[in-house]
Protein backbone atom coordinates (compact mmCIF):
# COMPACT_ATOMS: atom_id res chain seq x y z
CA MET A 1 -136.02 -38.19 -51.22
CA ALA A 2 -137.76 -35.20 -49.63
CA LYS A 3 -139.52 -32.72 -51.90
CA ALA A 4 -137.92 -29.32 -52.25
CA THR A 5 -140.34 -26.68 -51.05
CA HIS A 6 -140.29 -23.04 -52.07
CA ARG A 7 -140.62 -21.14 -48.81
CA ASN A 8 -141.49 -17.97 -50.71
CA VAL A 9 -144.43 -19.47 -52.67
CA ILE A 10 -147.73 -20.39 -51.05
CA MET A 11 -151.11 -21.62 -52.22
CA ILE A 12 -154.29 -20.15 -50.77
CA SER A 13 -157.96 -20.90 -51.35
CA ILE A 14 -159.92 -17.95 -52.73
CA HIS A 15 -163.66 -17.72 -53.44
CA PRO A 16 -164.42 -17.30 -57.16
CA GLU A 17 -165.75 -13.73 -56.92
CA PHE A 18 -162.54 -12.52 -55.27
CA ALA A 19 -160.23 -14.49 -57.57
CA HIS A 20 -161.99 -13.07 -60.63
CA ALA A 21 -161.74 -9.56 -59.20
CA ILE A 22 -157.96 -10.10 -58.87
CA PHE A 23 -157.81 -11.36 -62.47
CA ARG A 24 -159.74 -8.29 -63.68
CA GLY A 25 -157.39 -5.97 -61.76
CA GLU A 26 -160.16 -4.67 -59.50
CA LYS A 27 -158.84 -6.29 -56.32
CA LYS A 28 -155.26 -5.33 -55.48
CA ILE A 29 -155.11 -6.77 -51.97
CA GLU A 30 -156.06 -10.18 -50.59
CA PHE A 31 -157.10 -9.99 -46.95
CA ARG A 32 -156.29 -12.77 -44.50
CA LYS A 33 -156.96 -13.38 -40.80
CA LEU A 34 -154.21 -15.88 -40.21
CA ASN A 35 -150.52 -15.23 -40.02
CA ILE A 36 -149.12 -15.40 -43.54
CA PRO A 37 -145.30 -15.40 -43.63
CA LYS A 38 -143.86 -11.97 -44.45
CA HIS A 39 -141.30 -13.31 -46.94
CA ILE A 40 -143.88 -14.53 -49.49
CA GLU A 41 -143.10 -13.63 -53.10
CA HIS A 42 -145.85 -15.50 -54.98
CA VAL A 43 -149.35 -16.79 -54.25
CA VAL A 44 -150.88 -19.66 -56.21
CA MET A 45 -154.66 -19.21 -56.28
CA TYR A 46 -156.86 -22.25 -55.77
CA VAL A 47 -160.33 -21.02 -56.73
CA THR A 48 -162.88 -22.74 -54.51
CA SER A 49 -166.14 -24.45 -55.45
CA PRO A 50 -167.84 -24.53 -57.85
CA GLU A 51 -164.64 -24.07 -59.91
CA GLY A 52 -162.26 -26.08 -57.73
CA LYS A 53 -159.15 -25.36 -59.79
CA ILE A 54 -155.87 -23.52 -59.75
CA ALA A 55 -156.57 -20.64 -62.12
CA GLY A 56 -153.48 -18.45 -61.73
CA TYR A 57 -151.03 -16.83 -59.40
CA PHE A 58 -149.74 -13.42 -58.45
CA SER A 59 -146.54 -11.89 -57.19
CA VAL A 60 -146.72 -10.17 -53.81
CA LYS A 61 -145.61 -6.57 -53.56
CA ASP A 62 -145.80 -6.60 -49.75
CA VAL A 63 -147.48 -8.26 -46.78
CA VAL A 64 -149.20 -5.62 -44.66
CA GLU A 65 -150.21 -6.12 -41.04
CA ALA A 66 -152.53 -3.58 -39.38
CA LYS A 67 -155.77 -3.11 -37.50
CA PRO A 68 -158.72 -3.98 -39.76
CA SER A 69 -159.94 -0.37 -39.57
CA GLU A 70 -156.55 0.83 -40.87
CA LEU A 71 -156.53 -1.78 -43.64
CA TRP A 72 -159.99 -0.68 -44.72
CA ARG A 73 -159.13 3.02 -44.61
CA LYS A 74 -156.00 2.55 -46.71
CA TYR A 75 -157.14 -0.15 -49.17
CA ARG A 76 -160.94 0.08 -49.46
CA ASP A 77 -160.78 1.39 -53.04
CA VAL A 78 -158.83 -1.69 -54.20
CA SER A 79 -160.35 -4.20 -51.74
CA GLY A 80 -162.77 -5.85 -54.16
CA THR A 81 -165.34 -6.13 -51.38
CA THR A 82 -167.90 -4.16 -49.39
CA LYS A 83 -167.35 -2.53 -46.04
CA ASP A 84 -169.96 -4.80 -44.40
CA PHE A 85 -168.36 -7.98 -45.73
CA PHE A 86 -164.88 -6.79 -44.79
CA PHE A 87 -165.74 -6.05 -41.15
CA LYS A 88 -167.83 -9.23 -40.79
CA TYR A 89 -164.84 -11.18 -42.09
CA TYR A 90 -162.51 -9.76 -39.44
CA GLY A 91 -165.11 -9.74 -36.66
CA ASN A 92 -163.50 -8.49 -33.46
CA ARG A 93 -159.92 -9.34 -34.44
CA GLY A 94 -157.37 -6.72 -33.51
CA VAL A 95 -155.04 -7.38 -36.45
CA GLY A 96 -155.49 -8.24 -40.10
CA LEU A 97 -153.14 -9.09 -42.94
CA GLY A 98 -153.16 -7.98 -46.54
CA LEU A 99 -151.21 -9.44 -49.45
CA LEU A 100 -150.62 -6.62 -51.92
CA VAL A 101 -151.10 -7.99 -55.43
CA ASP A 102 -148.45 -7.11 -58.01
CA GLN A 103 -148.20 -9.06 -61.30
CA VAL A 104 -151.04 -11.50 -62.02
CA GLU A 105 -150.73 -14.58 -64.23
CA ILE A 106 -153.95 -16.26 -65.40
CA LEU A 107 -153.84 -19.83 -66.64
CA LYS A 108 -155.52 -20.34 -69.98
CA ASN A 109 -156.40 -23.88 -68.85
CA PRO A 110 -156.96 -24.00 -65.07
CA MET A 111 -155.61 -27.10 -63.31
CA THR A 112 -157.11 -29.46 -60.79
CA LEU A 113 -155.14 -30.03 -57.61
CA ASP A 114 -154.21 -33.53 -58.83
CA GLN A 115 -152.84 -32.05 -62.08
CA PHE A 116 -150.83 -29.54 -60.07
CA GLU A 117 -149.54 -31.83 -57.36
CA GLY A 118 -151.00 -35.32 -57.02
CA GLY A 119 -152.77 -35.86 -53.71
CA CYS A 120 -152.74 -32.16 -52.85
CA ARG A 121 -155.72 -30.85 -50.87
CA PRO A 122 -157.16 -27.32 -50.81
CA PRO A 123 -155.34 -25.30 -48.16
CA GLN A 124 -157.29 -24.22 -45.08
CA SER A 125 -155.12 -21.14 -44.50
CA PHE A 126 -152.05 -21.55 -46.72
CA LYS A 127 -149.71 -24.24 -47.97
CA TYR A 128 -146.12 -23.94 -49.11
CA VAL A 129 -145.70 -25.02 -52.73
CA ASP A 130 -143.10 -27.61 -53.74
CA SER A 131 -140.45 -26.53 -56.27
CA GLY A 132 -141.41 -28.97 -59.05
CA PRO A 133 -145.10 -28.00 -59.32
CA TRP A 134 -144.17 -24.31 -58.98
CA ARG A 135 -141.71 -24.46 -61.89
CA ALA A 136 -144.25 -26.41 -63.99
CA LEU A 137 -146.93 -23.80 -63.25
CA GLN A 138 -144.61 -20.97 -64.28
CA ARG A 139 -143.73 -22.78 -67.53
CA LYS A 140 -147.41 -23.41 -68.26
CA SER A 141 -148.18 -19.75 -67.66
CA LYS A 142 -145.35 -18.59 -69.93
CA GLN A 143 -146.37 -21.02 -72.68
CA ALA A 144 -149.95 -19.76 -72.52
CA SER A 145 -148.73 -16.17 -72.70
CA LEU A 146 -146.50 -16.89 -75.71
CA GLN A 147 -149.32 -18.78 -77.42
CA ASP A 148 -151.72 -15.88 -76.76
CA ILE A 149 -149.18 -13.44 -78.24
CA LYS A 150 -148.77 -15.61 -81.35
CA LEU A 151 -152.56 -15.85 -81.78
CA GLY A 152 -152.86 -12.10 -81.38
CA LEU A 153 -150.16 -11.47 -84.01
CA GLU A 154 -151.88 -13.87 -86.43
CA LYS A 155 -155.14 -11.94 -86.06
CA ILE A 156 -153.35 -8.67 -86.85
CA SER A 157 -151.59 -10.06 -89.94
């Protein structure tokens, strides 16, 4: 039986400094060179080495396509990067993409790729996420949130 794939959920690899900036709310846009589908609703974040784990996900407010200079002008204050790094990243490309970050979910216990989806490899650009692992990740996130709320209430009492 073929796996059901969510065509509105992707996994991307993100360097730790940028993933942590998203988690802290400092980075509100994730820049990409390659063509990310416009219909994306959620992004699962695989945090690259040395962490090498899925640490959370975010909902996508919008996918923006523009010249890199326009992306920088409009989003530099929430880019989570420097101007030099940004323009080196895009090089002489005429178009760039930005995934506008909306709601962020951080996993209390990050998962290896095998825990998430056995045999899964880190995506080079992006990978669609199968329905089963996506639902399990959402449940895990909600359970962690409920547990965190309960712990917080116990500390107040």
